Structure formats: structure tokens, C-alpha cells
Amino acid sequence: MSRRMRAVCHLRAKAAGCELQGAIIRSLRHSARTLRRRQGAAERGSATVHAAAQMLALAVLLAVVLEAASVVQARHWAHAGADLGAIAAAQTVAEGGTQADACMRARSVTEANRAVLVSCMRRGEDVEVRVEAGGRYGLPSVRAKGVAGPERR
């Protein structure tokens, strides 16, 4: 329908042909509005689903980062406990203590550093201490070894 015809139909709203055309146009507009509403209704709440999915992804990422950080922290505890336990045991041996005394002192020092003594051995003048740290809440444990003895010249 041309513009002129629309204008004429608008002026003659009572004419039969124009009335039918007007009804068709109104029907098409109504159908288009209804279709837009239905499409919007189908997507209603989709932002909530997207936000929930993003929050879940963020929570998983946070859990992975925290687990990695706790393993790194356990590694530091293990190495500090092993080194300090070996130094304490070597000092006890240098002061004339037995291997049992040295290992008891190494155990107390490693436990103070949040590590568990796995083994303590005297090899000549040196003392070798092996410890384990971490392993809580299902996380992997970390092992470390420390060796200390008198200064060599």
C-alpha cells in the first residue's frame, strides 16, 4: 500500500476497503508486539542464570588458588622445620648430646614450625632431619630434608 493510499484510507476510515486494511495493519502490529513479548518472556531470568554461573566459576577459581597457596605455605613450613630441626640437632650433638637427645630436640623444633618429624639420623658429625608438613583437609603433604653439622674448613 502506498503512502497516498494510506492517507486516503486514514481520511476515509469508514470506507469498507480502508477498514479492512486498517484491521490487517492493526493485527500485524499486535502480532509483532505479542512476538516481542514472548521472546522477552523466554529470556526472562537469563541474567540470573549467567550471574549464578559466573559466581560458581569464581568460587571454583578461588578454591584452586587457595589450595595452591596452602601447598606453597606447607612447603615453606616443611623447609623451615627441616633446616631449623637439623641445626638444633647438630647443636645438641656438638654440645655432647646423644642421637636420641638430638632427635628429641629436632622433633620439638620441627613441631614448633608446624611440621612433623619423619626421620632423624646422625651421619658422622652431621645430622639429617626429614620432615613432612601440610596434608590437612585432603591437601597434599610436602616433605623436606635438612642437613646440619659443624663448619668444615
C-alpha atoms as a PDB file:
ATOM      1  CA  MET A   1       0.000   0.000   0.000  1.00  0.00           C
ATOM      2  CA  SER A   2       1.369   3.366  -0.998  1.00  0.00           C
ATOM      3  CA  ARG A   3       1.601   6.417   1.208  1.00  0.00           C
ATOM      4  CA  ARG A   4      -1.093   8.176  -0.692  1.00  0.00           C
ATOM      5  CA  MET A   5      -3.433   5.226  -0.257  1.00  0.00           C
ATOM      6  CA  ARG A   6      -2.755   5.167   3.467  1.00  0.00           C
ATOM      7  CA  ALA A   7      -3.508   8.846   3.738  1.00  0.00           C
ATOM      8  CA  VAL A   8      -6.702   8.441   1.827  1.00  0.00           C
ATOM      9  CA  CYS A   9      -7.731   5.437   3.951  1.00  0.00           C
ATOM     10  CA  HIS A  10      -6.985   7.410   7.046  1.00  0.00           C
ATOM     11  CA  LEU A  11      -9.255  10.199   5.950  1.00  0.00           C
ATOM     12  CA  ARG A  12     -11.999   7.792   4.936  1.00  0.00           C
ATOM     13  CA  ALA A  13     -11.904   5.490   7.939  1.00  0.00           C
ATOM     14  CA  LYS A  14     -15.460   4.384   7.297  1.00  0.00           C
ATOM     15  CA  ALA A  15     -14.831   3.034   3.807  1.00  0.00           C
ATOM     16  CA  ALA A  16     -15.008  -0.762   3.613  1.00  0.00           C
ATOM     17  CA  GLY A  17     -11.652  -1.286   1.900  1.00  0.00           C
ATOM     18  CA  CYS A  18      -9.863   1.052   4.217  1.00  0.00           C
ATOM     19  CA  GLU A  19     -11.439  -0.504   7.254  1.00  0.00           C
ATOM     20  CA  LEU A  20     -10.206  -3.947   6.228  1.00  0.00           C
ATOM     21  CA  GLN A  21      -6.710  -2.633   5.545  1.00  0.00           C
ATOM     22  CA  GLY A  22      -6.673  -0.883   8.904  1.00  0.00           C
ATOM     23  CA  ALA A  23      -7.719  -4.073  10.628  1.00  0.00           C
ATOM     24  CA  ILE A  24      -4.951  -6.012   8.889  1.00  0.00           C
ATOM     25  CA  ILE A  25      -2.342  -3.420   9.848  1.00  0.00           C
ATOM     26  CA  ARG A  26      -3.545  -3.400  13.461  1.00  0.00           C
ATOM     27  CA  SER A  27      -3.448  -7.175  13.523  1.00  0.00           C
ATOM     28  CA  LEU A  28       0.117  -7.244  12.200  1.00  0.00           C
ATOM     29  CA  ARG A  29       1.240  -4.674  14.757  1.00  0.00           C
ATOM     30  CA  HIS A  30      -0.446  -6.632  17.529  1.00  0.00           C
ATOM     31  CA  SER A  31       1.250  -9.841  16.341  1.00  0.00           C
ATOM     32  CA  ALA A  32       4.622  -8.132  16.286  1.00  0.00           C
ATOM     33  CA  ARG A  33       4.126  -6.797  19.836  1.00  0.00           C
ATOM     34  CA  THR A  34       2.993 -10.201  21.084  1.00  0.00           C
ATOM     35  CA  LEU A  35       6.000 -11.882  19.447  1.00  0.00           C
ATOM     36  CA  ARG A  36       8.386  -9.408  21.092  1.00  0.00           C
ATOM     37  CA  ARG A  37       6.754 -10.034  24.475  1.00  0.00           C
ATOM     38  CA  ARG A  38       7.018 -13.785  24.069  1.00  0.00           C
ATOM     39  CA  GLN A  39      10.647 -13.574  23.070  1.00  0.00           C
ATOM     40  CA  GLY A  40      11.346 -11.416  26.094  1.00  0.00           C
ATOM     41  CA  ALA A  41       9.452 -13.836  28.341  1.00  0.00           C
ATOM     42  CA  ALA A  42      11.565 -16.739  27.077  1.00  0.00           C
ATOM     43  CA  GLU A  43      14.719 -14.871  28.062  1.00  0.00           C
ATOM     44  CA  ARG A  44      13.365 -13.613  31.383  1.00  0.00           C
ATOM     45  CA  GLY A  45      15.688 -14.691  34.211  1.00  0.00           C
ATOM     46  CA  SER A  46      18.601 -15.481  31.913  1.00  0.00           C
ATOM     47  CA  ALA A  47      20.745 -12.804  33.599  1.00  0.00           C
ATOM     48  CA  THR A  48      20.249 -14.599  36.906  1.00  0.00           C
ATOM     49  CA  VAL A  49      21.449 -17.855  35.381  1.00  0.00           C
ATOM     50  CA  HIS A  50      24.501 -16.139  33.880  1.00  0.00           C
ATOM     51  CA  ALA A  51      25.313 -14.420  37.183  1.00  0.00           C
ATOM     52  CA  ALA A  52      24.992 -17.707  39.078  1.00  0.00           C
ATOM     53  CA  ALA A  53      27.282 -19.454  36.582  1.00  0.00           C
ATOM     54  CA  GLN A  54      29.864 -16.693  36.894  1.00  0.00           C
ATOM     55  CA  MET A  55      29.714 -16.868  40.701  1.00  0.00           C
ATOM     56  CA  LEU A  56      30.223 -20.640  40.559  1.00  0.00           C
ATOM     57  CA  ALA A  57      33.212 -20.224  38.234  1.00  0.00           C
ATOM     58  CA  LEU A  58      34.661 -17.599  40.569  1.00  0.00           C
ATOM     59  CA  ALA A  59      34.188 -19.895  43.584  1.00  0.00           C
ATOM     60  CA  VAL A  60      35.981 -22.758  41.794  1.00  0.00           C
ATOM     61  CA  LEU A  61      38.833 -20.433  40.819  1.00  0.00           C
ATOM     62  CA  LEU A  62      39.105 -19.203  44.407  1.00  0.00           C
ATOM     63  CA  ALA A  63      39.245 -22.780  45.712  1.00  0.00           C
ATOM     64  CA  VAL A  64      42.066 -23.645  43.291  1.00  0.00           C
ATOM     65  CA  VAL A  65      44.047 -20.540  44.256  1.00  0.00           C
ATOM     66  CA  LEU A  66      43.601 -21.257  47.971  1.00  0.00           C
ATOM     67  CA  GLU A  67      44.728 -24.855  47.523  1.00  0.00           C
ATOM     68  CA  ALA A  68      47.834 -23.753  45.630  1.00  0.00           C
ATOM     69  CA  ALA A  69      48.592 -21.170  48.313  1.00  0.00           C
ATOM     70  CA  SER A  70      48.233 -23.730  51.085  1.00  0.00           C
ATOM     71  CA  VAL A  71      50.639 -26.117  49.327  1.00  0.00           C
ATOM     72  CA  VAL A  72      53.187 -23.302  48.973  1.00  0.00           C
ATOM     73  CA  GLN A  73      52.740 -22.445  52.655  1.00  0.00           C
ATOM     74  CA  ALA A  74      53.192 -26.109  53.641  1.00  0.00           C
ATOM     75  CA  ARG A  75      56.386 -26.199  51.556  1.00  0.00           C
ATOM     76  CA  HIS A  76      57.762 -23.218  53.480  1.00  0.00           C
ATOM     77  CA  TRP A  77      56.818 -24.818  56.803  1.00  0.00           C
ATOM     78  CA  ALA A  78      58.477 -28.090  55.792  1.00  0.00           C
ATOM     79  CA  HIS A  79      61.739 -26.489  54.677  1.00  0.00           C
ATOM     80  CA  ALA A  80      61.921 -24.202  57.698  1.00  0.00           C
ATOM     81  CA  GLY A  81      61.168 -27.111  60.059  1.00  0.00           C
ATOM     82  CA  ALA A  82      63.766 -29.357  58.419  1.00  0.00           C
ATOM     83  CA  ASP A  83      66.510 -26.744  58.416  1.00  0.00           C
ATOM     84  CA  LEU A  84      65.893 -25.498  61.946  1.00  0.00           C
ATOM     85  CA  GLY A  85      65.431 -29.042  63.281  1.00  0.00           C
ATOM     86  CA  ALA A  86      68.737 -30.106  61.725  1.00  0.00           C
ATOM     87  CA  ILE A  87      70.523 -27.082  63.188  1.00  0.00           C
ATOM     88  CA  ALA A  88      69.066 -27.756  66.667  1.00  0.00           C
ATOM     89  CA  ALA A  89      70.028 -31.436  66.460  1.00  0.00           C
ATOM     90  CA  ALA A  90      73.552 -30.603  65.260  1.00  0.00           C
ATOM     91  CA  GLN A  91      73.961 -28.117  68.113  1.00  0.00           C
ATOM     92  CA  THR A  92      72.879 -30.792  70.600  1.00  0.00           C
ATOM     93  CA  VAL A  93      75.441 -33.249  69.134  1.00  0.00           C
ATOM     94  CA  ALA A  94      78.146 -30.551  69.212  1.00  0.00           C
ATOM     95  CA  GLU A  95      77.379 -29.976  72.907  1.00  0.00           C
ATOM     96  CA  GLY A  96      77.964 -33.686  73.580  1.00  0.00           C
ATOM     97  CA  GLY A  97      74.389 -34.992  73.419  1.00  0.00           C
ATOM     98  CA  THR A  98      73.390 -38.399  72.094  1.00  0.00           C
ATOM     99  CA  GLN A  99      71.474 -39.087  68.907  1.00  0.00           C
ATOM    100  CA  ALA A 100      68.285 -39.588  70.951  1.00  0.00           C
ATOM    101  CA  ASP A 101      68.736 -36.182  72.620  1.00  0.00           C
ATOM    102  CA  ALA A 102      69.414 -34.558  69.243  1.00  0.00           C
ATOM    103  CA  CYS A 103      66.325 -36.142  67.681  1.00  0.00           C
ATOM    104  CA  MET A 104      64.117 -35.106  70.619  1.00  0.00           C
ATOM    105  CA  ARG A 105      65.280 -31.527  70.212  1.00  0.00           C
ATOM    106  CA  ALA A 106      64.793 -31.726  66.440  1.00  0.00           C
ATOM    107  CA  ARG A 107      61.245 -33.039  66.987  1.00  0.00           C
ATOM    108  CA  SER A 108      60.322 -30.149  69.298  1.00  0.00           C
ATOM    109  CA  VAL A 109      61.741 -27.564  66.863  1.00  0.00           C
ATOM    110  CA  THR A 110      60.025 -29.082  63.807  1.00  0.00           C
ATOM    111  CA  GLU A 111      56.675 -29.275  65.620  1.00  0.00           C
ATOM    112  CA  ALA A 112      57.038 -25.631  66.641  1.00  0.00           C
ATOM    113  CA  ASN A 113      57.367 -24.897  62.896  1.00  0.00           C
ATOM    114  CA  ARG A 114      54.175 -26.822  62.015  1.00  0.00           C
ATOM    115  CA  ALA A 115      55.981 -29.827  60.604  1.00  0.00           C
ATOM    116  CA  VAL A 116      56.143 -33.486  61.660  1.00  0.00           C
ATOM    117  CA  LEU A 117      59.484 -35.236  62.106  1.00  0.00           C
ATOM    118  CA  VAL A 118      59.683 -38.259  59.799  1.00  0.00           C
ATOM    119  CA  SER A 119      63.294 -39.337  60.419  1.00  0.00           C
ATOM    120  CA  CYS A 120      66.363 -38.144  62.268  1.00  0.00           C
ATOM    121  CA  MET A 121      69.769 -39.727  61.598  1.00  0.00           C
ATOM    122  CA  ARG A 122      73.281 -38.907  62.662  1.00  0.00           C
ATOM    123  CA  ARG A 123      75.923 -39.391  59.973  1.00  0.00           C
ATOM    124  CA  GLY A 124      79.291 -38.762  61.481  1.00  0.00           C
ATOM    125  CA  GLU A 125      79.251 -35.193  62.749  1.00  0.00           C
ATOM    126  CA  ASP A 126      76.252 -34.239  60.590  1.00  0.00           C
ATOM    127  CA  VAL A 127      72.595 -34.712  61.439  1.00  0.00           C
ATOM    128  CA  GLU A 128      69.998 -35.340  58.720  1.00  0.00           C
ATOM    129  CA  VAL A 129      66.387 -34.484  59.508  1.00  0.00           C
ATOM    130  CA  ARG A 130      63.407 -35.313  57.263  1.00  0.00           C
ATOM    131  CA  VAL A 131      60.043 -33.697  57.923  1.00  0.00           C
ATOM    132  CA  GLU A 132      56.556 -33.566  56.459  1.00  0.00           C
ATOM    133  CA  ALA A 133      54.146 -30.625  56.531  1.00  0.00           C
ATOM    134  CA  GLY A 134      50.627 -29.954  55.275  1.00  0.00           C
ATOM    135  CA  GLY A 135      48.287 -32.779  54.350  1.00  0.00           C
ATOM    136  CA  ARG A 136      45.329 -31.281  56.201  1.00  0.00           C
ATOM    137  CA  TYR A 137      41.814 -31.203  54.802  1.00  0.00           C
ATOM    138  CA  GLY A 138      42.713 -33.597  51.996  1.00  0.00           C
ATOM    139  CA  LEU A 139      45.506 -31.405  50.635  1.00  0.00           C
ATOM    140  CA  PRO A 140      48.815 -32.975  49.631  1.00  0.00           C
ATOM    141  CA  SER A 141      51.641 -33.076  52.165  1.00  0.00           C
ATOM    142  CA  VAL A 142      55.129 -31.768  51.449  1.00  0.00           C
ATOM    143  CA  ARG A 143      58.388 -33.403  52.518  1.00  0.00           C
ATOM    144  CA  ALA A 144      61.712 -31.697  53.113  1.00  0.00           C
ATOM    145  CA  LYS A 145      65.205 -32.649  54.237  1.00  0.00           C
ATOM    146  CA  GLY A 146      67.651 -30.636  56.287  1.00  0.00           C
ATOM    147  CA  VAL A 147      71.298 -31.438  57.000  1.00  0.00           C
ATOM    148  CA  ALA A 148      73.468 -29.600  59.519  1.00  0.00           C
ATOM    149  CA  GLY A 149      76.802 -30.145  61.161  1.00  0.00           C
ATOM    150  CA  PRO A 150      79.972 -28.393  62.211  1.00  0.00           C
ATOM    151  CA  GLU A 151      81.667 -25.982  59.828  1.00  0.00           C
ATOM    152  CA  ARG A 152      84.223 -27.604  57.542  1.00  0.00           C
ATOM    153  CA  ARG A 153      87.482 -25.892  56.738  1.00  0.00           C
END
